[in-house]
């Protein structure tokens, strides 16, 4: 068997360390077996997908050294490798499923489906489609099509029985069919859903082994059924345990920096990041904790994968990064440092921000040092203000974070417009609004121009600093967060 694995991220945000985690194991398994590692961009969500995010994904994989054999920028025998360019392919197989009777057109309105879901939840039942359009006659369907009624295409699911999922790590998993929804395959606008596109693409691209997170186990029956309906061989499944926060909750950007770019900007070595991700789900035969990507590939064995809940601990990653740094000779160390400084913030971009503010070169470091450090040293008293109390300050920081998380552009003007709009929405003067943001980003109440500085720092570092400042102020409890979310939603609706 010619082993072929893939990583298929959605370009809807910052490249996640969880994506890097799955990519690493997919890469190692393919290379150990002399196979190919494929990158596919799953950009069927047209509203949220962006070219900027796609580029960030590819830059992150390249920085880590996880180069793909086929995919965007490389080409290959199964082009195109972006789902948005494969619509005709999905239409063909959707029609095949309709003709075989394994899929059907659903004309139910959104309001009906919303009411159905609410009723099921109220009654304590599994939220799933009730099959209202399943029994429509050919004549009724034909009339609705003539009337140009909007519809989606759904897959049929057995009413009873059990689906057996064979997992390479967990062996046999049984899931009752009455827990599986009649998944939408083609949306009303003609675009495919993830569950349909991933099956078609994995088959046509010859994927033999799918390495993904354990959160996809409950979706496996849908995929297995589609493979059966289409008469295709099912790839082997390997569901990896999810990365966890130190408190054992699912790793999320609300509790930890999860963007790969954050670790690059902070000055972590890519070798150390890969090494750490490898440690979280696998172990070397000799138990050695420090190992290179080549060493991991050479020793890779599925039998050494672990099913425990791996904890992503930044302090442990820093310790490991220190081992890597100290293993470099002076020339290598200097090169790594120079590369980081150059990529982190071009000196010629810093000079215009500070040249009018200093009289001697020795004043440069205190004024611009925050552009090169990780998290600035903060204390709660720095945020004390006559204009904003602690609650308002937390609100400004949290709302700013939420807005920035949805900002696709990252320019001085876009950041200025974002903050100006948010200050107006919150009913605050821009000067009062920006005061805690200045401190969160720079660690000072006075610094070089904020918006230009944020461009140089990059989105990952800026968002991490806002989270850090919220933590310095005591953090936000779950109950408090829900109140803020409600207030934020009401403000956006208004």
Protein backbone atom coordinates (compact mmCIF):
# COMPACT_ATOMS: atom_id res chain seq x y z
CA UNK A 1 0.00 0.00 0.00
CA UNK A 2 1.23 3.47 -0.92
CA UNK A 3 0.55 5.42 2.27
CA UNK A 4 -1.02 8.85 1.73
CA UNK A 5 -2.00 11.16 4.58
CA UNK A 6 -3.31 14.71 4.62
CA UNK A 7 -3.88 17.75 6.72
CA UNK A 8 -6.95 19.71 5.70
CA UNK A 9 -7.28 22.98 7.65
CA UNK A 10 -10.03 25.53 7.22
CA UNK A 11 -8.64 29.02 6.43
CA UNK A 12 -10.95 30.82 8.84
CA UNK A 13 -8.51 32.13 11.43
CA UNK A 14 -5.01 31.83 12.80
CA UNK A 15 -3.19 28.50 12.25
CA UNK A 16 -3.88 26.49 15.42
CA UNK A 17 -1.31 24.39 17.28
CA UNK A 18 -3.92 21.60 17.12
CA UNK A 19 -3.64 21.70 13.33
CA UNK A 20 0.15 21.53 13.63
CA UNK A 21 -0.25 18.59 16.03
CA UNK A 22 -2.31 16.58 13.51
CA UNK A 23 -0.07 17.65 10.64
CA UNK A 24 3.01 16.43 12.51
CA UNK A 25 1.67 12.94 13.07
CA UNK A 26 0.26 12.71 9.54
CA UNK A 27 3.63 13.81 8.16
CA UNK A 28 5.64 11.37 10.30
CA UNK A 29 3.40 8.40 9.47
CA UNK A 30 3.59 9.10 5.74
CA UNK A 31 7.37 9.64 5.69
CA UNK A 32 8.08 6.60 7.87
CA UNK A 33 6.21 4.48 5.33
CA UNK A 34 7.70 6.10 2.24
CA UNK A 35 4.39 7.78 1.38
CA UNK A 36 3.06 11.24 0.60
CA UNK A 37 1.79 14.02 2.84
CA UNK A 38 -0.89 16.24 1.25
CA UNK A 39 -2.14 19.71 2.15
CA UNK A 40 -5.74 20.47 1.22
CA UNK A 41 -7.50 23.74 1.98
CA UNK A 42 -11.09 23.21 3.14
CA UNK A 43 -12.53 26.61 2.28
CA UNK A 44 -16.18 25.77 1.71
CA UNK A 45 -17.16 28.38 4.32
CA UNK A 46 -17.00 31.31 1.92
CA UNK A 47 -18.04 33.91 4.48
CA UNK A 48 -15.27 33.11 6.96
CA UNK A 49 -12.48 31.81 4.71
CA UNK A 50 -9.76 34.22 3.65
CA UNK A 51 -6.61 34.22 1.54
CA UNK A 52 -4.76 35.80 4.48
CA UNK A 53 -5.61 32.83 6.68
CA UNK A 54 -4.65 30.36 3.96
CA UNK A 55 -1.26 32.04 3.58
CA UNK A 56 -0.77 31.99 7.36
CA UNK A 57 -1.46 28.24 7.40
CA UNK A 58 1.10 27.55 4.70
CA UNK A 59 3.66 29.88 6.34
CA UNK A 60 3.17 28.09 9.68
CA UNK A 61 3.68 24.62 8.16
CA UNK A 62 6.79 25.82 6.32
CA UNK A 63 8.19 27.42 9.48
CA UNK A 64 7.70 24.14 11.33
CA UNK A 65 9.38 22.19 8.52
CA UNK A 66 6.26 20.17 7.64
CA UNK A 67 6.54 20.54 3.89
CA UNK A 68 3.80 18.92 1.82
CA UNK A 69 4.27 16.77 -1.28
CA UNK A 70 1.04 17.87 -2.98
CA UNK A 71 -1.18 20.86 -2.43
CA UNK A 72 -1.43 24.62 -2.97
CA UNK A 73 1.80 26.02 -4.32
CA UNK A 74 3.06 22.52 -5.19
CA UNK A 75 0.37 21.15 -7.48
CA UNK A 76 -0.07 17.43 -7.97
CA UNK A 77 -2.13 14.83 -9.81
CA UNK A 78 -5.32 15.61 -7.87
CA UNK A 79 -5.63 19.35 -8.41
CA UNK A 80 -7.27 21.57 -7.39
CA UNK A 81 -6.42 21.28 -3.69
CA UNK A 82 -8.88 23.96 -2.59
CA UNK A 83 -12.43 22.78 -2.01
CA UNK A 84 -13.90 26.04 -3.30
CA UNK A 85 -12.54 25.07 -6.74
CA UNK A 86 -14.04 21.55 -6.72
CA UNK A 87 -17.77 22.35 -6.73
CA UNK A 88 -18.49 20.50 -10.01
CA UNK A 89 -16.93 17.35 -8.55
CA UNK A 90 -19.21 17.42 -5.50
CA UNK A 91 -22.29 18.05 -7.65
CA UNK A 92 -21.55 14.90 -9.64
CA UNK A 93 -21.44 12.65 -6.57
CA UNK A 94 -24.43 14.34 -4.93
CA UNK A 95 -26.47 13.55 -8.05
CA UNK A 96 -25.22 9.96 -7.90
CA UNK A 97 -26.47 9.66 -4.32
CA UNK A 98 -29.85 11.09 -5.30
CA UNK A 99 -30.17 8.65 -8.19
CA UNK A 100 -29.27 5.67 -5.99
CA UNK A 101 -31.84 6.72 -3.39
CA UNK A 102 -29.22 7.23 -0.67
CA UNK A 103 -29.85 10.99 -0.49
CA UNK A 104 -32.93 13.18 -0.78
CA UNK A 105 -33.92 16.81 -1.27
CA UNK A 106 -35.09 18.59 1.87
CA UNK A 107 -37.29 21.68 1.43
CA UNK A 108 -37.74 22.45 5.14
CA UNK A 109 -37.42 26.12 6.08
CA UNK A 110 -34.91 27.41 8.57
CA UNK A 111 -37.74 28.45 10.91
CA UNK A 112 -39.17 24.91 10.93
CA UNK A 113 -35.76 23.39 11.62
CA UNK A 114 -35.10 25.89 14.42
CA UNK A 115 -38.46 25.09 16.05
CA UNK A 116 -37.79 21.36 15.69
CA UNK A 117 -34.40 21.72 17.35
CA UNK A 118 -35.80 23.75 20.25
CA UNK A 119 -38.56 21.20 20.85
CA UNK A 120 -36.13 18.28 20.84
CA UNK A 121 -33.79 20.03 23.26
CA UNK A 122 -36.71 20.94 25.57
CA UNK A 123 -37.86 17.31 25.58
CA UNK A 124 -34.32 16.09 26.27
CA UNK A 125 -33.98 14.31 22.92
CA UNK A 126 -31.03 14.21 20.53
CA UNK A 127 -31.20 17.17 18.17
CA UNK A 128 -31.55 15.73 14.66
CA UNK A 129 -33.60 16.06 11.50
CA UNK A 130 -36.96 14.25 11.74
CA UNK A 131 -37.15 13.08 8.11
CA UNK A 132 -40.11 15.28 7.17
CA UNK A 133 -39.07 15.41 3.49
CA UNK A 134 -37.84 11.83 3.33
CA UNK A 135 -41.14 10.45 2.06
CA UNK A 136 -42.01 13.13 -0.50
CA UNK A 137 -43.20 11.58 -3.75
CA UNK A 138 -41.36 12.15 -7.01
CA UNK A 139 -44.31 14.23 -8.23
CA UNK A 140 -44.23 16.54 -5.18
CA UNK A 141 -40.47 16.97 -5.46
CA UNK A 142 -40.77 17.73 -9.17
CA UNK A 143 -43.43 20.36 -8.50
CA UNK A 144 -41.34 22.02 -5.79
CA UNK A 145 -38.39 22.14 -8.19
CA UNK A 146 -40.59 23.73 -10.85
CA UNK A 147 -41.72 26.27 -8.25
CA UNK A 148 -38.01 26.97 -7.55
CA UNK A 149 -38.35 26.20 -3.84
CA UNK A 150 -35.07 26.31 -1.99
CA UNK A 151 -33.69 22.95 -0.83
CA UNK A 152 -30.67 21.15 0.55
CA UNK A 153 -29.54 17.60 -0.16
CA UNK A 154 -29.40 15.29 2.86
CA UNK A 155 -28.05 11.78 3.26
CA UNK A 156 -30.24 8.91 4.41
CA UNK A 157 -29.35 7.20 7.69
CA UNK A 158 -30.52 3.78 8.94
CA UNK A 159 -33.39 4.04 11.43
CA UNK A 160 -32.02 1.34 13.73
CA UNK A 161 -28.93 -0.70 14.41
CA UNK A 162 -25.36 0.22 15.19
CA UNK A 163 -22.41 1.53 13.20
CA UNK A 164 -19.06 -0.06 14.01
CA UNK A 165 -16.13 2.34 13.73
CA UNK A 166 -12.74 0.66 13.46
CA UNK A 167 -10.06 2.91 14.93
CA UNK A 168 -6.36 2.04 14.78
CA UNK A 169 -5.87 3.26 18.38
CA UNK A 170 -9.19 2.43 20.01
CA UNK A 171 -10.05 -0.66 17.96
CA UNK A 172 -13.86 -1.16 17.87
CA UNK A 173 -16.25 1.71 18.62
CA UNK A 174 -20.03 1.24 18.40
CA UNK A 175 -22.39 4.17 17.75
CA UNK A 176 -26.17 3.75 17.41
CA UNK A 177 -27.62 5.00 14.14
CA UNK A 178 -30.42 6.79 15.99
CA UNK A 179 -27.76 9.17 17.30
CA UNK A 180 -26.67 10.15 13.78
CA UNK A 181 -28.32 13.04 11.95
CA UNK A 182 -29.40 13.01 8.31
CA UNK A 183 -26.47 15.21 7.41
CA UNK A 184 -26.85 18.01 4.87
CA UNK A 185 -24.47 17.21 1.99
CA UNK A 186 -25.17 20.12 -0.34
CA UNK A 187 -26.34 23.48 1.05
CA UNK A 188 -29.05 25.64 -0.50
CA UNK A 189 -26.45 27.73 -2.32
CA UNK A 190 -25.02 24.62 -3.98
CA UNK A 191 -21.85 24.45 -1.89
CA UNK A 192 -20.89 21.21 -0.11
CA UNK A 193 -20.75 20.75 3.63
CA UNK A 194 -17.55 19.60 5.25
CA UNK A 195 -18.83 16.06 5.82
CA UNK A 196 -19.54 15.48 2.14
CA UNK A 197 -16.53 17.26 0.66
CA UNK A 198 -14.05 15.54 2.99
CA UNK A 199 -15.25 12.07 1.96
CA UNK A 200 -15.18 12.83 -1.78
CA UNK A 201 -11.78 14.50 -1.60
CA UNK A 202 -10.15 11.86 0.60
CA UNK A 203 -11.28 9.15 -1.83
CA UNK A 204 -10.30 10.94 -5.03
CA UNK A 205 -6.94 11.97 -3.57
CA UNK A 206 -6.16 8.40 -2.54
CA UNK A 207 -5.89 9.10 1.20
CA UNK A 208 -5.17 5.79 2.95
CA UNK A 209 -4.94 6.92 6.59
CA UNK A 210 -6.85 9.76 8.24
CA UNK A 211 -5.23 11.12 11.39
CA UNK A 212 -7.54 13.56 13.14
CA UNK A 213 -8.75 14.61 16.57
CA UNK A 214 -11.02 12.44 18.70
CA UNK A 215 -13.80 15.05 18.43
CA UNK A 216 -14.50 13.58 14.98
CA UNK A 217 -15.32 10.09 16.29
CA UNK A 218 -19.07 10.84 16.48
CA UNK A 219 -18.99 11.99 12.85
CA UNK A 220 -17.27 8.83 11.62
CA UNK A 221 -20.57 6.95 10.99
CA UNK A 222 -21.66 9.63 8.50
CA UNK A 223 -18.40 9.27 6.63
CA UNK A 224 -18.46 5.46 6.74
CA UNK A 225 -22.01 5.46 5.37
CA UNK A 226 -21.07 7.77 2.49
CA UNK A 227 -18.15 5.51 1.57
CA UNK A 228 -20.56 2.57 1.52
CA UNK A 229 -23.18 4.43 -0.53
CA UNK A 230 -20.56 5.42 -3.12
CA UNK A 231 -18.95 1.97 -3.21
CA UNK A 232 -15.55 3.16 -2.04
CA UNK A 233 -13.01 1.62 0.34
CA UNK A 234 -12.84 3.38 3.70
CA UNK A 235 -9.42 4.81 4.72
CA UNK A 236 -8.07 3.70 8.07
CA UNK A 237 -8.97 6.00 10.94
CA UNK A 238 -6.65 7.20 13.69
CA UNK A 239 -8.32 9.51 16.21
CA UNK A 240 -5.74 11.34 18.31
CA UNK A 241 -6.54 12.59 21.82
CA UNK A 242 -7.24 16.32 22.03
CA UNK A 243 -4.69 18.75 23.41
CA UNK A 244 -5.69 20.08 26.83
CA UNK A 245 -5.12 23.16 28.95
CA UNK A 246 -3.34 22.58 32.28
CA UNK A 247 -6.80 22.41 33.92
CA UNK A 248 -7.59 19.48 31.54
CA UNK A 249 -10.17 21.47 29.57
CA UNK A 250 -9.96 21.42 25.76
CA UNK A 251 -7.14 23.64 24.52
CA UNK A 252 -8.72 26.92 23.47
CA UNK A 253 -7.59 30.40 22.56
CA UNK A 254 -9.56 31.80 25.50
CA UNK A 255 -7.20 30.15 27.99
CA UNK A 256 -3.93 29.74 26.10
CA UNK A 257 -2.25 31.21 23.03
CA UNK A 258 -3.13 28.64 20.35
CA UNK A 259 -1.85 30.33 17.18
CA UNK A 260 1.36 28.90 15.74
CA UNK A 261 2.38 32.46 14.84
CA UNK A 262 2.41 33.41 18.52
CA UNK A 263 5.16 30.89 19.27
CA UNK A 264 7.15 32.00 16.25
CA UNK A 265 6.88 35.67 17.25
CA UNK A 266 7.77 34.88 20.87
CA UNK A 267 11.09 33.40 19.77
CA UNK A 268 10.45 29.68 20.14
CA UNK A 269 12.46 27.46 17.83
CA UNK A 270 10.35 25.48 15.34
CA UNK A 271 12.38 22.40 16.24
CA UNK A 272 11.34 22.77 19.87
CA UNK A 273 7.65 23.31 19.04
CA UNK A 274 7.57 20.17 16.87
CA UNK A 275 9.52 18.27 19.50
CA UNK A 276 7.01 19.26 22.17
CA UNK A 277 3.97 18.41 20.06
CA UNK A 278 5.54 15.03 19.35
CA UNK A 279 6.04 14.41 23.07
CA UNK A 280 2.38 15.09 23.76
CA UNK A 281 1.11 12.13 21.78
CA UNK A 282 4.06 9.81 21.32
CA UNK A 283 7.36 8.77 22.86
CA UNK A 284 10.79 7.77 21.61
CA UNK A 285 11.76 4.11 22.18
CA UNK A 286 14.57 5.18 24.52
CA UNK A 287 12.38 7.69 26.36
CA UNK A 288 14.51 10.64 25.21
CA UNK A 289 12.56 13.89 25.49
CA UNK A 290 14.62 16.00 23.09
CA UNK A 291 14.44 14.71 19.52
CA UNK A 292 14.40 16.15 16.01
CA UNK A 293 11.76 15.73 13.32
CA UNK A 294 14.05 13.35 11.41
CA UNK A 295 14.54 11.26 14.56
CA UNK A 296 10.78 11.16 15.13
CA UNK A 297 10.18 9.98 11.55
CA UNK A 298 12.89 7.32 11.82
CA UNK A 299 11.42 5.91 15.04
CA UNK A 300 7.73 6.51 14.35
CA UNK A 301 5.36 3.68 15.23
CA UNK A 302 1.61 3.85 15.79
CA UNK A 303 2.00 1.48 18.72
CA UNK A 304 3.79 4.23 20.62
CA UNK A 305 0.90 6.68 20.37
CA UNK A 306 -0.76 7.46 23.70
CA UNK A 307 -4.47 7.79 24.47
CA UNK A 308 -4.06 9.93 27.58
CA UNK A 309 -5.20 13.56 27.67
CA UNK A 310 -2.05 15.47 26.63
CA UNK A 311 -1.59 18.78 28.46
CA UNK A 312 -0.17 21.68 26.47
CA UNK A 313 1.94 23.44 29.09
CA UNK A 314 3.74 26.55 27.88
CA UNK A 315 6.21 26.36 30.78
CA UNK A 316 7.22 22.84 29.70
CA UNK A 317 7.55 24.07 26.12
CA UNK A 318 9.80 26.94 27.30
CA UNK A 319 11.96 24.46 29.21
CA UNK A 320 12.32 22.30 26.10
CA UNK A 321 13.04 25.34 23.94
CA UNK A 322 15.81 26.23 26.38
CA UNK A 323 17.38 22.82 25.80
CA UNK A 324 17.34 23.43 22.06
CA UNK A 325 18.82 26.92 22.41
CA UNK A 326 21.61 25.73 24.68
CA UNK A 327 22.49 22.97 22.22
CA UNK A 328 23.41 25.57 19.58
CA UNK A 329 26.98 26.73 19.15
CA UNK A 330 27.68 30.48 19.24
CA UNK A 331 27.42 30.96 15.47
CA UNK A 332 24.12 29.04 15.24
CA UNK A 333 22.75 30.93 18.23
CA UNK A 334 23.65 34.27 16.68
CA UNK A 335 22.01 33.28 13.38
CA UNK A 336 18.80 32.13 15.10
CA UNK A 337 18.65 35.35 17.15
CA UNK A 338 19.32 37.58 14.15
CA UNK A 339 16.67 35.76 12.12
CA UNK A 340 14.11 36.18 14.89
CA UNK A 341 14.88 39.88 15.35
CA UNK A 342 14.70 40.47 11.61
CA UNK A 343 11.39 38.62 11.21
CA UNK A 344 9.97 39.91 14.48
CA UNK A 345 10.22 43.58 13.62
CA UNK A 346 12.28 45.12 10.83
CA UNK A 347 14.49 47.85 12.30
CA UNK A 348 13.72 50.23 9.45
CA UNK A 349 10.03 49.99 10.40
CA UNK A 350 10.76 50.78 14.06
CA UNK A 351 12.90 53.85 13.39
CA UNK A 352 10.07 56.07 12.07
CA UNK A 353 8.09 55.35 15.23
CA UNK A 354 10.81 56.51 17.61
CA UNK A 355 13.16 58.93 15.83
CA UNK A 356 11.11 61.99 16.85
CA UNK A 357 10.91 60.77 20.45
CA UNK A 358 14.55 60.15 21.40
CA UNK A 359 17.59 62.40 21.70
CA UNK A 360 20.28 59.73 22.12
CA UNK A 361 20.46 56.10 20.95
CA UNK A 362 20.50 54.85 24.54
CA UNK A 363 16.86 55.95 24.82
CA UNK A 364 15.83 53.61 22.02
CA UNK A 365 15.68 50.44 24.10
CA UNK A 366 13.38 51.74 26.88
CA UNK A 367 11.01 53.27 24.32
CA UNK A 368 10.82 50.42 21.80
CA UNK A 369 11.76 47.41 23.90
CA UNK A 370 8.14 46.28 24.10
CA UNK A 371 8.26 45.55 20.35
CA UNK A 372 10.80 42.79 20.99
CA UNK A 373 9.63 41.28 24.27
CA UNK A 374 7.05 38.61 24.97
CA UNK A 375 4.53 39.60 27.63
CA UNK A 376 5.17 43.07 29.14
CA UNK A 377 5.53 43.31 32.89
CA UNK A 378 2.17 44.56 34.17
CA UNK A 379 0.48 45.22 37.50
CA UNK A 380 -3.17 46.06 38.24
CA UNK A 381 -2.32 49.59 39.41
CA UNK A 382 -1.11 50.48 35.90
CA UNK A 383 -4.71 50.24 34.73
CA UNK A 384 -6.13 52.52 37.41
CA UNK A 385 -8.00 55.38 35.77
CA UNK A 386 -10.24 58.25 36.76
CA UNK A 387 -12.33 57.63 33.64
CA UNK A 388 -12.76 53.82 33.74
CA UNK A 389 -13.34 51.52 36.69
CA UNK A 390 -12.09 47.91 36.72
CA UNK A 391 -15.30 46.56 35.16
CA UNK A 392 -15.16 49.06 32.28
CA UNK A 393 -11.47 48.37 31.77
CA UNK A 394 -12.09 44.62 31.53
CA UNK A 395 -14.93 45.32 29.14
CA UNK A 396 -12.69 47.41 26.87
CA UNK A 397 -9.98 44.74 26.84
CA UNK A 398 -12.33 41.79 26.28
CA UNK A 399 -14.43 43.52 23.61
CA UNK A 400 -11.22 44.63 21.85
CA UNK A 401 -10.00 41.05 21.89
CA UNK A 402 -13.23 39.74 20.38
CA UNK A 403 -13.20 42.38 17.63
CA UNK A 404 -9.53 41.72 16.81
CA UNK A 405 -10.17 37.97 16.61
CA UNK A 406 -12.54 38.64 13.71
CA UNK A 407 -10.30 41.19 11.96
CA UNK A 408 -9.02 39.76 8.66
CA UNK A 409 -6.98 42.80 7.69
CA UNK A 410 -4.07 43.84 9.90
CA UNK A 411 -3.10 47.36 8.94
CA UNK A 412 -2.71 50.56 10.89
CA UNK A 413 -5.87 51.98 9.33
CA UNK A 414 -7.99 48.87 9.89
CA UNK A 415 -6.94 48.69 13.56
CA UNK A 416 -7.67 52.41 14.03
CA UNK A 417 -11.08 52.01 12.40
CA UNK A 418 -11.82 48.96 14.55
CA UNK A 419 -11.01 50.74 17.82
CA UNK A 420 -12.79 53.95 16.79
CA UNK A 421 -15.92 51.99 15.94
CA UNK A 422 -15.79 49.97 19.15
CA UNK A 423 -15.26 53.07 21.29
CA UNK A 424 -18.30 54.67 19.65
CA UNK A 425 -20.38 51.52 20.15
CA UNK A 426 -19.43 51.49 23.84
CA UNK A 427 -20.18 55.20 24.25
CA UNK A 428 -16.59 56.06 25.23
CA UNK A 429 -14.25 58.81 24.14
CA UNK A 430 -11.48 57.29 22.04
CA UNK A 431 -8.78 58.63 24.40
CA UNK A 432 -10.38 56.96 27.42
CA UNK A 433 -11.02 53.77 25.46
CA UNK A 434 -7.43 53.45 24.23
CA UNK A 435 -5.77 54.10 27.61
CA UNK A 436 -5.96 50.47 28.87
CA UNK A 437 -5.19 49.14 25.38
CA UNK A 438 -1.95 51.19 25.32
CA UNK A 439 -0.92 49.61 28.62
CA UNK A 440 -1.90 46.08 27.58
CA UNK A 441 0.08 46.27 24.34
CA UNK A 442 3.16 48.23 25.45
CA UNK A 443 3.25 47.93 29.23
CA UNK A 444 3.32 51.75 29.39
CA UNK A 445 0.81 54.57 29.31
CA UNK A 446 3.01 56.33 26.75
CA UNK A 447 4.60 54.56 23.78
CA UNK A 448 5.24 54.94 20.06
CA UNK A 449 2.06 55.19 17.94
CA UNK A 450 -0.22 52.35 19.02
CA UNK A 451 -1.68 51.26 15.70
CA UNK A 452 1.66 51.13 13.87
CA UNK A 453 3.18 49.31 16.84
CA UNK A 454 0.42 46.70 16.73
CA UNK A 455 1.11 46.13 13.03
CA UNK A 456 4.78 45.46 13.81
CA UNK A 457 3.91 43.19 16.74
CA UNK A 458 1.46 41.15 14.67
CA UNK A 459 -2.02 39.93 15.53
CA UNK A 460 -0.97 36.86 17.53
CA UNK A 461 1.18 38.80 20.00
CA UNK A 462 -1.34 41.63 20.34
CA UNK A 463 -4.20 39.27 21.14
CA UNK A 464 -2.00 37.34 23.58
CA UNK A 465 -1.11 40.59 25.37
CA UNK A 466 -4.76 41.55 25.72
CA UNK A 467 -5.47 38.14 27.29
CA UNK A 468 -2.43 38.60 29.54
CA UNK A 469 -3.67 42.00 30.72
CA UNK A 470 -7.11 40.54 31.52
CA UNK A 471 -5.36 37.91 33.63
CA UNK A 472 -3.32 40.58 35.43
CA UNK A 473 -6.58 42.27 36.38
CA UNK A 474 -7.82 39.06 37.98
CA UNK A 475 -9.34 37.37 34.96
CA UNK A 476 -12.98 36.87 34.09
CA UNK A 477 -15.11 34.14 35.66
CA UNK A 478 -17.47 32.00 33.56
CA UNK A 479 -20.47 33.82 34.99
CA UNK A 480 -18.92 37.22 34.30
CA UNK A 481 -17.93 36.11 30.79
CA UNK A 482 -21.52 35.16 29.99
CA UNK A 483 -22.66 38.63 31.07
CA UNK A 484 -20.03 40.23 28.87
CA UNK A 485 -20.96 38.01 25.91
CA UNK A 486 -24.61 39.04 26.27
CA UNK A 487 -23.65 42.72 26.49
CA UNK A 488 -21.35 42.36 23.47
CA UNK A 489 -24.06 40.69 21.37
CA UNK A 490 -26.63 43.33 22.33
CA UNK A 491 -24.18 46.10 21.43
CA UNK A 492 -23.46 44.51 18.03
CA UNK A 493 -27.18 44.12 17.30
CA UNK A 494 -27.80 47.73 18.23
